[in-house]
C-alpha atoms as a PDB file:
ATOM      1  CA  MET A   1     141.848  60.532 138.552  1.00  0.00           C
ATOM      2  CA  LYS A   2     140.971  57.334 136.806  1.00  0.00           C
ATOM      3  CA  MET A   3     141.083  58.225 132.473  1.00  0.00           C
ATOM      4  CA  CYS A   4     137.285  57.275 132.836  1.00  0.00           C
ATOM      5  CA  ASP A   5     136.412  60.238 135.332  1.00  0.00           C
ATOM      6  CA  VAL A   6     134.569  62.985 134.209  1.00  0.00           C
ATOM      7  CA  VAL A   7     135.508  66.303 135.788  1.00  0.00           C
ATOM      8  CA  THR A   8     132.463  68.529 136.431  1.00  0.00           C
ATOM      9  CA  HIS A   9     132.307  72.205 137.479  1.00  0.00           C
ATOM     10  CA  ARG A  10     129.257  73.833 139.623  1.00  0.00           C
ATOM     11  CA  GLU A  11     129.745  76.865 138.614  1.00  0.00           C
ATOM     12  CA  ASN A  12     128.745  79.503 141.141  1.00  0.00           C
ATOM     13  CA  PRO A  13     124.982  80.873 141.012  1.00  0.00           C
ATOM     14  CA  PHE A  14     126.170  84.141 142.310  1.00  0.00           C
ATOM     15  CA  SER A  15     128.997  84.994 139.779  1.00  0.00           C
ATOM     16  CA  VAL A  16     129.850  87.999 138.678  1.00  0.00           C
ATOM     17  CA  HIS A  17     128.349  87.232 134.987  1.00  0.00           C
ATOM     18  CA  ARG A  18     125.148  85.825 136.533  1.00  0.00           C
ATOM     19  CA  VAL A  19     124.378  88.953 138.973  1.00  0.00           C
ATOM     20  CA  GLN A  20     125.498  91.502 137.155  1.00  0.00           C
ATOM     21  CA  PRO A  21     123.372  94.540 135.401  1.00  0.00           C
ATOM     22  CA  GLY A  22     121.432  93.134 132.885  1.00  0.00           C
ATOM     23  CA  ALA A  23     121.649  89.538 133.498  1.00  0.00           C
ATOM     24  CA  LEU A  24     118.260  89.412 135.856  1.00  0.00           C
ATOM     25  CA  ASP A  25     115.602  91.600 135.536  1.00  0.00           C
ATOM     26  CA  TYR A  26     114.719  94.056 137.958  1.00  0.00           C
ATOM     27  CA  ILE A  27     111.892  92.704 140.554  1.00  0.00           C
ATOM     28  CA  PHE A  28     109.015  95.182 141.337  1.00  0.00           C
ATOM     29  CA  ASP A  29     107.042  95.533 144.182  1.00  0.00           C
ATOM     30  CA  ASP A  30     104.137  97.921 143.356  1.00  0.00           C
ATOM     31  CA  GLY A  31     102.612  96.192 140.616  1.00  0.00           C
ATOM     32  CA  THR A  32     104.613  98.301 137.868  1.00  0.00           C
ATOM     33  CA  ASP A  33     106.441  96.329 135.310  1.00  0.00           C
ATOM     34  CA  ILE A  34     108.862  97.408 132.302  1.00  0.00           C
ATOM     35  CA  GLU A  35     106.250  97.885 129.989  1.00  0.00           C
ATOM     36  CA  GLN A  36     104.777 100.511 132.211  1.00  0.00           C
ATOM     37  CA  LEU A  37     108.168 102.292 132.349  1.00  0.00           C
ATOM     38  CA  LEU A  38     108.725 102.953 128.399  1.00  0.00           C
ATOM     39  CA  ARG A  39     104.855 103.903 128.145  1.00  0.00           C
ATOM     40  CA  ARG A  40     105.606 106.714 130.689  1.00  0.00           C
ATOM     41  CA  LEU A  41     108.841 107.242 129.313  1.00  0.00           C
ATOM     42  CA  GLU A  42     107.620 107.667 125.561  1.00  0.00           C
ATOM     43  CA  ARG A  43     105.106 110.534 126.881  1.00  0.00           C
ATOM     44  CA  ASN A  44     108.087 111.922 128.343  1.00  0.00           C
ATOM     45  CA  GLN A  45     110.376 111.824 125.269  1.00  0.00           C
ATOM     46  CA  TRP A  46     112.390 109.571 126.463  1.00  0.00           C
ATOM     47  CA  ARG A  47     113.669 111.249 129.489  1.00  0.00           C
ATOM     48  CA  GLY A  48     113.540 110.049 133.007  1.00  0.00           C
ATOM     49  CA  GLU A  49     115.672 109.371 136.099  1.00  0.00           C
ATOM     50  CA  VAL A  50     116.310 106.064 138.514  1.00  0.00           C
ATOM     51  CA  ILE A  51     116.700 107.619 141.749  1.00  0.00           C
ATOM     52  CA  GLY A  52     118.084 105.279 145.035  1.00  0.00           C
ATOM     53  CA  PRO A  53     120.379 103.871 147.357  1.00  0.00           C
ATOM     54  CA  HIS A  54     123.665 102.177 146.480  1.00  0.00           C
ATOM     55  CA  GLY A  55     123.050  98.920 145.784  1.00  0.00           C
ATOM     56  CA  SER A  56     119.496  99.028 145.475  1.00  0.00           C
ATOM     57  CA  GLY A  57     118.893  97.735 141.335  1.00  0.00           C
ATOM     58  CA  LYS A  58     119.164 101.174 139.776  1.00  0.00           C
ATOM     59  CA  SER A  59     122.114  99.952 137.450  1.00  0.00           C
ATOM     60  CA  THR A  60     120.188  96.536 136.881  1.00  0.00           C
ATOM     61  CA  LEU A  61     116.806  98.603 135.478  1.00  0.00           C
ATOM     62  CA  LEU A  62     118.864 100.677 133.422  1.00  0.00           C
ATOM     63  CA  ALA A  63     120.498  98.125 131.754  1.00  0.00           C
ATOM     64  CA  GLN A  64     116.759  96.320 131.351  1.00  0.00           C
ATOM     65  CA  LEU A  65     115.594  99.446 129.908  1.00  0.00           C
ATOM     66  CA  ALA A  66     118.992 100.143 127.633  1.00  0.00           C
ATOM     67  CA  SER A  67     118.190  96.733 126.037  1.00  0.00           C
ATOM     68  CA  ARG A  68     114.829  97.338 125.420  1.00  0.00           C
ATOM     69  CA  PHE A  69     115.664 100.826 123.528  1.00  0.00           C
ATOM     70  CA  SER A  70     117.967  98.539 121.811  1.00  0.00           C
ATOM     71  CA  ASP A  71     115.288  96.099 120.775  1.00  0.00           C
ATOM     72  CA  ARG A  72     113.055  99.069 119.472  1.00  0.00           C
ATOM     73  CA  GLY A  73     115.985 100.277 117.053  1.00  0.00           C
ATOM     74  CA  PHE A  74     117.437 103.058 119.367  1.00  0.00           C
ATOM     75  CA  ASP A  75     120.552 104.473 118.878  1.00  0.00           C
ATOM     76  CA  VAL A  76     121.631 104.067 122.970  1.00  0.00           C
ATOM     77  CA  ARG A  77     124.463 105.986 124.076  1.00  0.00           C
ATOM     78  CA  ARG A  78     125.632 103.981 127.484  1.00  0.00           C
ATOM     79  CA  VAL A  79     127.425 105.603 130.073  1.00  0.00           C
ATOM     80  CA  LEU A  80     128.791 104.482 133.258  1.00  0.00           C
ATOM     81  CA  LEU A  81     130.718 106.474 135.072  1.00  0.00           C
ATOM     82  CA  ARG A  82     132.593 105.483 138.046  1.00  0.00           C
ATOM     83  CA  SER A  83     133.140 107.216 141.605  1.00  0.00           C
ATOM     84  CA  GLY A  84     134.970 110.792 141.162  1.00  0.00           C
ATOM     85  CA  GLU A  85     134.261 110.848 137.305  1.00  0.00           C
ATOM     86  CA  ARG A  86     133.764 114.319 136.728  1.00  0.00           C
ATOM     87  CA  HIS A  87     133.604 114.451 133.209  1.00  0.00           C
ATOM     88  CA  LEU A  88     131.886 112.387 129.854  1.00  0.00           C
ATOM     89  CA  PRO A  89     133.950 110.365 128.003  1.00  0.00           C
ATOM     90  CA  GLY A  90     134.344 111.068 124.807  1.00  0.00           C
ATOM     91  CA  GLY A  91     131.830 110.003 121.723  1.00  0.00           C
ATOM     92  CA  TRP A  92     128.632 110.323 123.521  1.00  0.00           C
ATOM     93  CA  GLU A  93     127.655 113.657 120.889  1.00  0.00           C
ATOM     94  CA  THR A  94     128.706 111.995 117.848  1.00  0.00           C
ATOM     95  CA  PRO A  95     125.515 112.737 115.477  1.00  0.00           C
ATOM     96  CA  SER A  96     122.972 110.049 115.000  1.00  0.00           C
ATOM     97  CA  SER A  97     121.849 108.971 111.880  1.00  0.00           C
ATOM     98  CA  GLU A  98     118.420 111.049 110.526  1.00  0.00           C
ATOM     99  CA  GLY A  99     115.331 109.659 111.545  1.00  0.00           C
ATOM    100  CA  THR A 100     116.784 107.503 114.433  1.00  0.00           C
ATOM    101  CA  THR A 101     115.578 107.761 117.796  1.00  0.00           C
ATOM    102  CA  THR A 102     118.655 108.668 120.612  1.00  0.00           C
ATOM    103  CA  VAL A 103     118.687 107.814 123.799  1.00  0.00           C
ATOM    104  CA  VAL A 104     121.796 108.659 126.193  1.00  0.00           C
ATOM    105  CA  VAL A 105     121.803 105.925 129.057  1.00  0.00           C
ATOM    106  CA  VAL A 106     123.848 107.377 132.160  1.00  0.00           C
ATOM    107  CA  ASP A 107     124.697 105.171 135.183  1.00  0.00           C
ATOM    108  CA  GLY A 108     125.824 107.038 137.932  1.00  0.00           C
ATOM    109  CA  MET A 109     124.816 110.442 136.552  1.00  0.00           C
ATOM    110  CA  GLU A 110     125.284 112.222 140.544  1.00  0.00           C
ATOM    111  CA  GLN A 111     129.392 111.633 139.422  1.00  0.00           C
ATOM    112  CA  LEU A 112     129.269 114.314 137.069  1.00  0.00           C
ATOM    113  CA  GLY A 113     130.388 117.821 137.779  1.00  0.00           C
ATOM    114  CA  TRP A 114     127.385 120.720 137.667  1.00  0.00           C
ATOM    115  CA  LEU A 115     128.886 121.951 134.426  1.00  0.00           C
ATOM    116  CA  ALA A 116     129.291 118.726 132.699  1.00  0.00           C
ATOM    117  CA  ARG A 117     125.600 117.610 133.643  1.00  0.00           C
ATOM    118  CA  ARG A 118     124.170 120.952 132.487  1.00  0.00           C
ATOM    119  CA  ARG A 119     126.029 120.417 129.056  1.00  0.00           C
ATOM    120  CA  LEU A 120     124.904 117.026 129.077  1.00  0.00           C
ATOM    121  CA  THR A 121     121.155 117.783 129.419  1.00  0.00           C
ATOM    122  CA  ARG A 122     121.175 120.852 127.424  1.00  0.00           C
ATOM    123  CA  HIS A 123     122.914 119.232 124.583  1.00  0.00           C
ATOM    124  CA  CYS A 124     120.250 116.158 124.911  1.00  0.00           C
ATOM    125  CA  ARG A 125     117.285 118.864 124.822  1.00  0.00           C
ATOM    126  CA  ARG A 126     118.750 120.870 121.985  1.00  0.00           C
ATOM    127  CA  GLN A 127     119.084 117.272 119.973  1.00  0.00           C
ATOM    128  CA  GLY A 128     115.982 115.613 120.646  1.00  0.00           C
ATOM    129  CA  TRP A 129     117.670 113.305 122.453  1.00  0.00           C
ATOM    130  CA  GLY A 130     116.025 111.101 125.542  1.00  0.00           C
ATOM    131  CA  LEU A 131     118.049 111.069 128.393  1.00  0.00           C
ATOM    132  CA  VAL A 132     117.511 108.445 131.527  1.00  0.00           C
ATOM    133  CA  ALA A 133     119.861 108.344 134.492  1.00  0.00           C
ATOM    134  CA  THR A 134     120.787 107.170 137.698  1.00  0.00           C
ATOM    135  CA  ALA A 135     121.437 108.541 140.825  1.00  0.00           C
ATOM    136  CA  HIS A 136     121.361 108.619 144.652  1.00  0.00           C
ATOM    137  CA  ASP A 137     119.218 111.963 145.126  1.00  0.00           C
ATOM    138  CA  SER A 138     117.419 113.700 142.252  1.00  0.00           C
ATOM    139  CA  LEU A 139     119.163 115.264 139.277  1.00  0.00           C
ATOM    140  CA  GLY A 140     115.817 117.256 137.887  1.00  0.00           C
ATOM    141  CA  LEU A 141     114.786 114.694 135.349  1.00  0.00           C
ATOM    142  CA  SER A 142     111.341 113.167 135.801  1.00  0.00           C
ATOM    143  CA  LEU A 143     110.964 110.434 138.277  1.00  0.00           C
ATOM    144  CA  LEU A 144     110.235 107.406 136.551  1.00  0.00           C
ATOM    145  CA  VAL A 145     111.275 105.131 140.088  1.00  0.00           C
ATOM    146  CA  ARG A 146     112.612 105.179 143.130  1.00  0.00           C
ATOM    147  CA  THR A 147     114.107 102.280 143.796  1.00  0.00           C
ATOM    148  CA  HIS A 148     114.471 100.646 147.480  1.00  0.00           C
ATOM    149  CA  PHE A 149     115.917  97.297 148.251  1.00  0.00           C
ATOM    150  CA  GLY A 150     113.667  95.442 150.716  1.00  0.00           C
ATOM    151  CA  PHE A 151     114.283  92.059 152.485  1.00  0.00           C
ATOM    152  CA  GLU A 152     111.416  90.176 150.450  1.00  0.00           C
ATOM    153  CA  ARG A 153     113.093  91.084 147.103  1.00  0.00           C
ATOM    154  CA  PHE A 154     116.328  89.788 148.489  1.00  0.00           C
ATOM    155  CA  GLU A 155     114.753  86.559 149.090  1.00  0.00           C
ATOM    156  CA  GLN A 156     113.198  86.507 145.258  1.00  0.00           C
ATOM    157  CA  VAL A 157     116.278  87.218 143.529  1.00  0.00           C
ATOM    158  CA  VAL A 158     118.252  84.592 145.937  1.00  0.00           C
ATOM    159  CA  ARG A 159     115.549  81.969 145.190  1.00  0.00           C
ATOM    160  CA  ARG A 160     115.783  82.871 141.755  1.00  0.00           C
ATOM    161  CA  LEU A 161     118.851  82.117 140.995  1.00  0.00           C
ATOM    162  CA  LEU A 162     118.742  79.090 143.151  1.00  0.00           C
ATOM    163  CA  VAL A 163     116.196  77.432 140.903  1.00  0.00           C
ATOM    164  CA  HIS A 164     118.126  74.795 139.600  1.00  0.00           C
ATOM    165  CA  GLU A 165     120.236  74.265 142.762  1.00  0.00           C
ATOM    166  CA  ALA A 166     120.668  71.699 144.736  1.00  0.00           C
ATOM    167  CA  TRP A 167     122.475  73.913 147.592  1.00  0.00           C
ATOM    168  CA  SER A 168     119.757  76.210 149.658  1.00  0.00           C
ATOM    169  CA  VAL A 169     119.749  78.844 152.181  1.00  0.00           C
ATOM    170  CA  ARG A 170     117.515  79.502 155.002  1.00  0.00           C
ATOM    171  CA  THR A 171     115.275  82.135 155.177  1.00  0.00           C
ATOM    172  CA  ASP A 172     116.635  83.196 158.877  1.00  0.00           C
ATOM    173  CA  GLU A 173     120.410  83.053 157.110  1.00  0.00           C
ATOM    174  CA  LEU A 174     119.299  85.646 154.453  1.00  0.00           C
ATOM    175  CA  ARG A 175     117.247  88.080 156.919  1.00  0.00           C
ATOM    176  CA  GLN A 176     121.127  88.074 158.906  1.00  0.00           C
ATOM    177  CA  ILE A 177     122.880  89.137 156.012  1.00  0.00           C
ATOM    178  CA  TYR A 178     120.396  91.326 154.673  1.00  0.00           C
ATOM    179  CA  GLU A 179     120.485  93.533 158.084  1.00  0.00           C
ATOM    180  CA  ARG A 180     124.418  92.752 157.886  1.00  0.00           C
ATOM    181  CA  PHE A 181     124.580  94.794 154.996  1.00  0.00           C
ATOM    182  CA  GLY A 182     121.841  96.987 155.360  1.00  0.00           C
ATOM    183  CA  GLY A 183     120.371  95.975 152.114  1.00  0.00           C
ATOM    184  CA  ASP A 184     122.825  96.512 149.931  1.00  0.00           C
ATOM    185  CA  MET A 185     122.681  94.113 147.184  1.00  0.00           C
ATOM    186  CA  ARG A 186     126.189  94.236 146.004  1.00  0.00           C
ATOM    187  CA  GLU A 187     127.243  93.204 149.084  1.00  0.00           C
ATOM    188  CA  MET A 188     124.940  90.536 149.922  1.00  0.00           C
ATOM    189  CA  LEU A 189     125.592  88.622 146.741  1.00  0.00           C
ATOM    190  CA  PHE A 190     128.899  89.044 147.247  1.00  0.00           C
ATOM    191  CA  CYS A 191     128.898  87.176 150.703  1.00  0.00           C
ATOM    192  CA  LEU A 192     126.507  84.439 149.433  1.00  0.00           C
ATOM    193  CA  TYR A 193     129.138  83.626 146.169  1.00  0.00           C
ATOM    194  CA  ASP A 194     131.722  83.359 148.974  1.00  0.00           C
ATOM    195  CA  ARG A 195     129.419  81.297 151.184  1.00  0.00           C
ATOM    196  CA  TYR A 196     128.538  78.763 148.041  1.00  0.00           C
ATOM    197  CA  GLU A 197     132.634  78.342 147.977  1.00  0.00           C
ATOM    198  CA  ALA A 198     133.005  77.764 151.575  1.00  0.00           C
ATOM    199  CA  ASP A 199     130.508  74.904 151.496  1.00  0.00           C
ATOM    200  CA  GLY A 200     132.621  73.425 148.373  1.00  0.00           C
ATOM    201  CA  GLN A 201     130.185  74.038 145.608  1.00  0.00           C
ATOM    202  CA  GLY A 202     132.166  75.714 143.323  1.00  0.00           C
ATOM    203  CA  ASP A 203     135.086  72.842 143.644  1.00  0.00           C
ATOM    204  CA  ALA A 204     135.659  70.571 140.878  1.00  0.00           C
ATOM    205  CA  VAL A 205     133.934  67.220 141.372  1.00  0.00           C
ATOM    206  CA  GLY A 206     135.191  63.722 139.136  1.00  0.00           C
ATOM    207  CA  ASN A 207     132.643  61.085 138.243  1.00  0.00           C
ATOM    208  CA  ASP A 208     133.001  57.354 137.563  1.00  0.00           C
END
């Protein structure tokens, strides 16, 4: 390589930090918007559940709501539960400052055992805290959104990620990916990440 060469690197638009919850806004397909959800939550003392299958955007929407809570100055207690985690991590019950609105945000609440779930909901109710959670099936909270991930929304997400890219993918190719992974957003984006790399778009490029 010549001394005058400049090495650039095309970042993969499907990299984890570009598509992880919070990096992209949730795309509503029924005319709802995030402000409507916030008003609905406020009327319900900041309590509600986001229900839907794996990879349908629950975590994305929850991260967006948590960010809006922080913008309002709320004390946001974020809890992420992985598969098999039956108990809450320590620290979530720490008393909040007087006059502060506290909201516990739980991603994957269905992982909790029955007693842990009951303890969480009871504590939040007694303290006057909000509780917003995601799960595959209803947890008994007020339904906020039932997520699903149709092909049109998948294509919208991909086009948004590629808006500044020369690389492209045809609609029929996207539909094949959608059908292959059954609408699982995470798996579909992983597939596109690999395809982008396989096409050589993520390689370093030398310019004279």
